[in-house]
């Protein structure tokens, strides 16, 4: 996904003064694609950030066995990564 964004930005950068109408239309499409990719990445980052906050703010005092926090945190992280990978 990041490579797609980089390629889209490169295509935008290649269009210079005196571009043909077709090239200009291509840039518009490329800009929309780049904006869509950025929006998708921002949404993924927001999900990951929220889950990190949940893990970081977990109150282990409320747990019956606070030593199980590591297993829970790893489980939450794996679950979130799988969810993000599924949305790609």
C-alpha atoms as a PDB file:
ATOM      1  CA  UNK A   1       0.000   0.000   0.000  1.00  0.00           C
ATOM      2  CA  UNK A   2       2.819   2.429   0.836  1.00  0.00           C
ATOM      3  CA  UNK A   3       4.517   1.558  -2.460  1.00  0.00           C
ATOM      4  CA  UNK A   4       1.290   2.418  -4.302  1.00  0.00           C
ATOM      5  CA  UNK A   5       1.243   5.795  -2.576  1.00  0.00           C
ATOM      6  CA  UNK A   6       4.875   6.474  -3.472  1.00  0.00           C
ATOM      7  CA  UNK A   7       4.258   5.523  -7.094  1.00  0.00           C
ATOM      8  CA  UNK A   8       1.182   7.749  -7.250  1.00  0.00           C
ATOM      9  CA  UNK A   9       3.151  10.675  -5.852  1.00  0.00           C
ATOM     10  CA  UNK A  10       5.948  10.035  -8.353  1.00  0.00           C
ATOM     11  CA  UNK A  11       3.434  10.135 -11.227  1.00  0.00           C
ATOM     12  CA  UNK A  12       2.130  13.452  -9.919  1.00  0.00           C
ATOM     13  CA  UNK A  13       5.656  14.837  -9.689  1.00  0.00           C
ATOM     14  CA  UNK A  14       6.495  13.817 -13.272  1.00  0.00           C
ATOM     15  CA  UNK A  15       3.784  16.044 -14.738  1.00  0.00           C
ATOM     16  CA  UNK A  16       5.332  19.418 -15.393  1.00  0.00           C
ATOM     17  CA  UNK A  17       4.470  22.710 -17.052  1.00  0.00           C
ATOM     18  CA  UNK A  18       3.129  22.154 -20.567  1.00  0.00           C
ATOM     19  CA  UNK A  19       1.550  18.797 -19.814  1.00  0.00           C
ATOM     20  CA  UNK A  20      -1.073  17.550 -22.218  1.00  0.00           C
ATOM     21  CA  UNK A  21      -4.724  17.451 -21.233  1.00  0.00           C
ATOM     22  CA  UNK A  22      -4.498  13.665 -20.978  1.00  0.00           C
ATOM     23  CA  UNK A  23      -1.521  13.970 -18.660  1.00  0.00           C
ATOM     24  CA  UNK A  24      -3.357  16.562 -16.586  1.00  0.00           C
ATOM     25  CA  UNK A  25      -6.390  14.258 -16.297  1.00  0.00           C
ATOM     26  CA  UNK A  26      -4.063  11.447 -15.289  1.00  0.00           C
ATOM     27  CA  UNK A  27      -2.656  13.635 -12.538  1.00  0.00           C
ATOM     28  CA  UNK A  28      -6.158  14.352 -11.237  1.00  0.00           C
ATOM     29  CA  UNK A  29      -6.873  10.639 -11.092  1.00  0.00           C
ATOM     30  CA  UNK A  30      -3.500   9.975  -9.495  1.00  0.00           C
ATOM     31  CA  UNK A  31      -4.100  12.676  -6.883  1.00  0.00           C
ATOM     32  CA  UNK A  32      -7.457  11.118  -6.003  1.00  0.00           C
ATOM     33  CA  UNK A  33      -5.828   7.697  -5.757  1.00  0.00           C
ATOM     34  CA  UNK A  34      -3.060   9.124  -3.571  1.00  0.00           C
ATOM     35  CA  UNK A  35      -5.622  10.860  -1.359  1.00  0.00           C
ATOM     36  CA  UNK A  36      -7.574   7.600  -1.032  1.00  0.00           C
ATOM     37  CA  UNK A  37      -4.423   5.715  -0.048  1.00  0.00           C
ATOM     38  CA  UNK A  38      -3.533   8.374   2.512  1.00  0.00           C
ATOM     39  CA  UNK A  39      -7.045   8.192   3.957  1.00  0.00           C
ATOM     40  CA  UNK A  40      -6.845   4.401   4.203  1.00  0.00           C
ATOM     41  CA  UNK A  41      -3.479   4.599   5.945  1.00  0.00           C
ATOM     42  CA  UNK A  42      -4.782   7.238   8.352  1.00  0.00           C
ATOM     43  CA  UNK A  43      -7.715   4.980   9.264  1.00  0.00           C
ATOM     44  CA  UNK A  44      -5.356   2.038   9.878  1.00  0.00           C
ATOM     45  CA  UNK A  45      -3.106   4.198  12.050  1.00  0.00           C
ATOM     46  CA  UNK A  46      -6.099   5.397  14.079  1.00  0.00           C
ATOM     47  CA  UNK A  47      -7.165   1.806  14.808  1.00  0.00           C
ATOM     48  CA  UNK A  48      -3.649   0.810  15.821  1.00  0.00           C
ATOM     49  CA  UNK A  49      -3.222   3.921  17.951  1.00  0.00           C
ATOM     50  CA  UNK A  50      -6.481   3.279  19.803  1.00  0.00           C
ATOM     51  CA  UNK A  51      -5.544  -0.308  20.545  1.00  0.00           C
ATOM     52  CA  UNK A  52      -2.118   0.748  21.784  1.00  0.00           C
ATOM     53  CA  UNK A  53      -3.837   3.229  24.103  1.00  0.00           C
ATOM     54  CA  UNK A  54      -6.156   0.471  25.352  1.00  0.00           C
ATOM     55  CA  UNK A  55      -3.198  -1.768  26.130  1.00  0.00           C
ATOM     56  CA  UNK A  56      -1.130   1.042  27.649  1.00  0.00           C
ATOM     57  CA  UNK A  57      -4.002   2.145  29.895  1.00  0.00           C
ATOM     58  CA  UNK A  58      -5.086  -1.320  30.997  1.00  0.00           C
ATOM     59  CA  UNK A  59      -5.461  -1.527  34.757  1.00  0.00           C
ATOM     60  CA  UNK A  60      -3.722  -4.729  35.834  1.00  0.00           C
ATOM     61  CA  UNK A  61      -4.939  -4.198  39.419  1.00  0.00           C
ATOM     62  CA  UNK A  62      -8.424  -5.198  38.327  1.00  0.00           C
ATOM     63  CA  UNK A  63      -7.134  -8.518  36.993  1.00  0.00           C
ATOM     64  CA  UNK A  64      -7.429 -11.674  39.066  1.00  0.00           C
ATOM     65  CA  UNK A  65      -3.891 -12.546  37.969  1.00  0.00           C
ATOM     66  CA  UNK A  66      -1.932  -9.454  36.849  1.00  0.00           C
ATOM     67  CA  UNK A  67       0.817 -11.693  35.466  1.00  0.00           C
ATOM     68  CA  UNK A  68      -1.558 -12.593  32.627  1.00  0.00           C
ATOM     69  CA  UNK A  69      -1.338  -9.029  31.307  1.00  0.00           C
ATOM     70  CA  UNK A  70       1.440  -9.920  28.858  1.00  0.00           C
ATOM     71  CA  UNK A  71      -0.623 -12.716  27.300  1.00  0.00           C
ATOM     72  CA  UNK A  72      -3.661 -10.428  27.074  1.00  0.00           C
ATOM     73  CA  UNK A  73      -1.646  -7.583  25.522  1.00  0.00           C
ATOM     74  CA  UNK A  74      -0.103  -9.901  22.937  1.00  0.00           C
ATOM     75  CA  UNK A  75      -3.511 -11.331  22.141  1.00  0.00           C
ATOM     76  CA  UNK A  76      -4.988  -7.831  21.650  1.00  0.00           C
ATOM     77  CA  UNK A  77      -2.057  -6.834  19.448  1.00  0.00           C
ATOM     78  CA  UNK A  78      -2.357  -9.983  17.288  1.00  0.00           C
ATOM     79  CA  UNK A  79      -6.126  -9.512  16.983  1.00  0.00           C
ATOM     80  CA  UNK A  80      -5.733  -5.875  15.922  1.00  0.00           C
ATOM     81  CA  UNK A  81      -2.983  -6.654  13.409  1.00  0.00           C
ATOM     82  CA  UNK A  82      -5.099  -9.424  11.890  1.00  0.00           C
ATOM     83  CA  UNK A  83      -8.038  -7.017  11.617  1.00  0.00           C
ATOM     84  CA  UNK A  84      -5.865  -4.397   9.929  1.00  0.00           C
ATOM     85  CA  UNK A  85      -4.331  -6.963   7.543  1.00  0.00           C
ATOM     86  CA  UNK A  86      -7.827  -8.164   6.617  1.00  0.00           C
ATOM     87  CA  UNK A  87      -8.843  -4.613   5.646  1.00  0.00           C
ATOM     88  CA  UNK A  88      -5.923  -4.144   3.229  1.00  0.00           C
END
